[in-house]
Protein backbone atom coordinates (compact mmCIF):
# COMPACT_ATOMS: atom_id res chain seq x y z
CA MET A 1 0.00 0.00 0.00
CA THR A 2 2.84 2.39 0.72
CA LEU A 3 4.25 1.98 -2.77
CA ILE A 4 0.86 2.71 -4.34
CA GLU A 5 0.19 5.71 -2.08
CA ASN A 6 3.55 7.25 -3.01
CA GLY A 7 3.17 6.48 -6.73
CA LEU A 8 6.16 4.13 -6.79
CA ARG A 9 4.47 0.80 -7.58
CA GLU A 10 5.00 1.15 -11.34
CA ARG A 11 8.70 1.91 -10.82
CA VAL A 12 9.64 -1.26 -8.91
CA ILE A 13 9.51 -4.98 -9.63
CA LEU A 14 8.34 -7.11 -6.72
CA ARG A 15 10.15 -10.44 -6.77
CA VAL A 16 9.20 -13.38 -4.55
CA ASP A 17 12.03 -15.83 -4.02
CA GLY A 18 12.40 -18.74 -1.62
CA GLY A 19 9.80 -20.49 0.45
CA LEU A 20 7.53 -21.27 -2.51
CA LYS A 21 6.63 -24.88 -1.82
CA SER A 22 3.29 -25.27 -3.57
CA GLY A 23 1.01 -23.69 -6.11
CA VAL A 24 -0.93 -22.10 -3.27
CA ASP A 25 2.18 -20.15 -2.24
CA VAL A 26 2.56 -18.84 -5.80
CA LEU A 27 -1.11 -17.86 -5.94
CA MET A 28 -0.83 -16.03 -2.61
CA ALA A 29 2.24 -14.15 -3.84
CA ALA A 30 0.39 -13.20 -7.03
CA ALA A 31 -2.61 -12.02 -5.00
CA MET A 32 -0.28 -9.78 -2.99
CA GLY A 33 1.09 -8.23 -6.18
CA ALA A 34 4.31 -10.09 -6.97
CA ASP A 35 5.66 -9.56 -10.49
CA GLU A 36 8.37 -12.24 -10.58
CA TYR A 37 8.74 -15.62 -8.93
CA GLY A 38 12.10 -17.24 -8.23
CA CYS A 39 12.81 -20.95 -7.87
CA VAL A 40 9.52 -22.00 -9.46
CA LEU A 41 11.18 -22.62 -12.81
CA LEU A 42 14.04 -24.37 -11.05
CA LEU A 43 11.60 -26.80 -9.45
CA VAL A 44 10.00 -27.50 -12.81
CA LEU A 45 13.39 -28.17 -14.37
CA VAL A 46 14.40 -30.50 -11.53
CA ALA A 47 11.13 -32.42 -11.86
CA TYR A 48 11.65 -32.68 -15.62
CA TRP A 49 15.20 -33.95 -15.08
CA PHE A 50 13.99 -36.69 -12.71
CA VAL A 51 11.39 -37.79 -15.27
CA PHE A 52 14.07 -37.80 -17.96
CA LEU A 53 16.41 -39.87 -15.79
CA GLY A 54 13.59 -42.31 -15.08
CA PHE A 55 13.08 -42.67 -18.83
CA ILE A 56 16.80 -43.35 -19.29
CA VAL A 57 16.86 -45.99 -16.54
CA TYR A 58 13.62 -47.62 -17.70
CA PHE A 59 14.88 -48.15 -21.23
CA GLY A 60 18.44 -49.02 -20.16
CA LEU A 61 20.03 -46.17 -22.08
CA HIS A 62 23.36 -44.65 -21.13
CA LEU A 63 24.24 -40.97 -21.21
């Protein structure tokens, strides 16, 4: 509210980083006005990598 009252909200980027453990946390941050979210993409990439490794192990392929 202070940023909006002083006319500074458009001049800053609010970034939420750390502590995002579920989609609910991301939705709460968005509801509070966050513009950027850290570590969410990292979690997606890690999950993708585990799925990829499972595919490699399942089919007996070697990197």
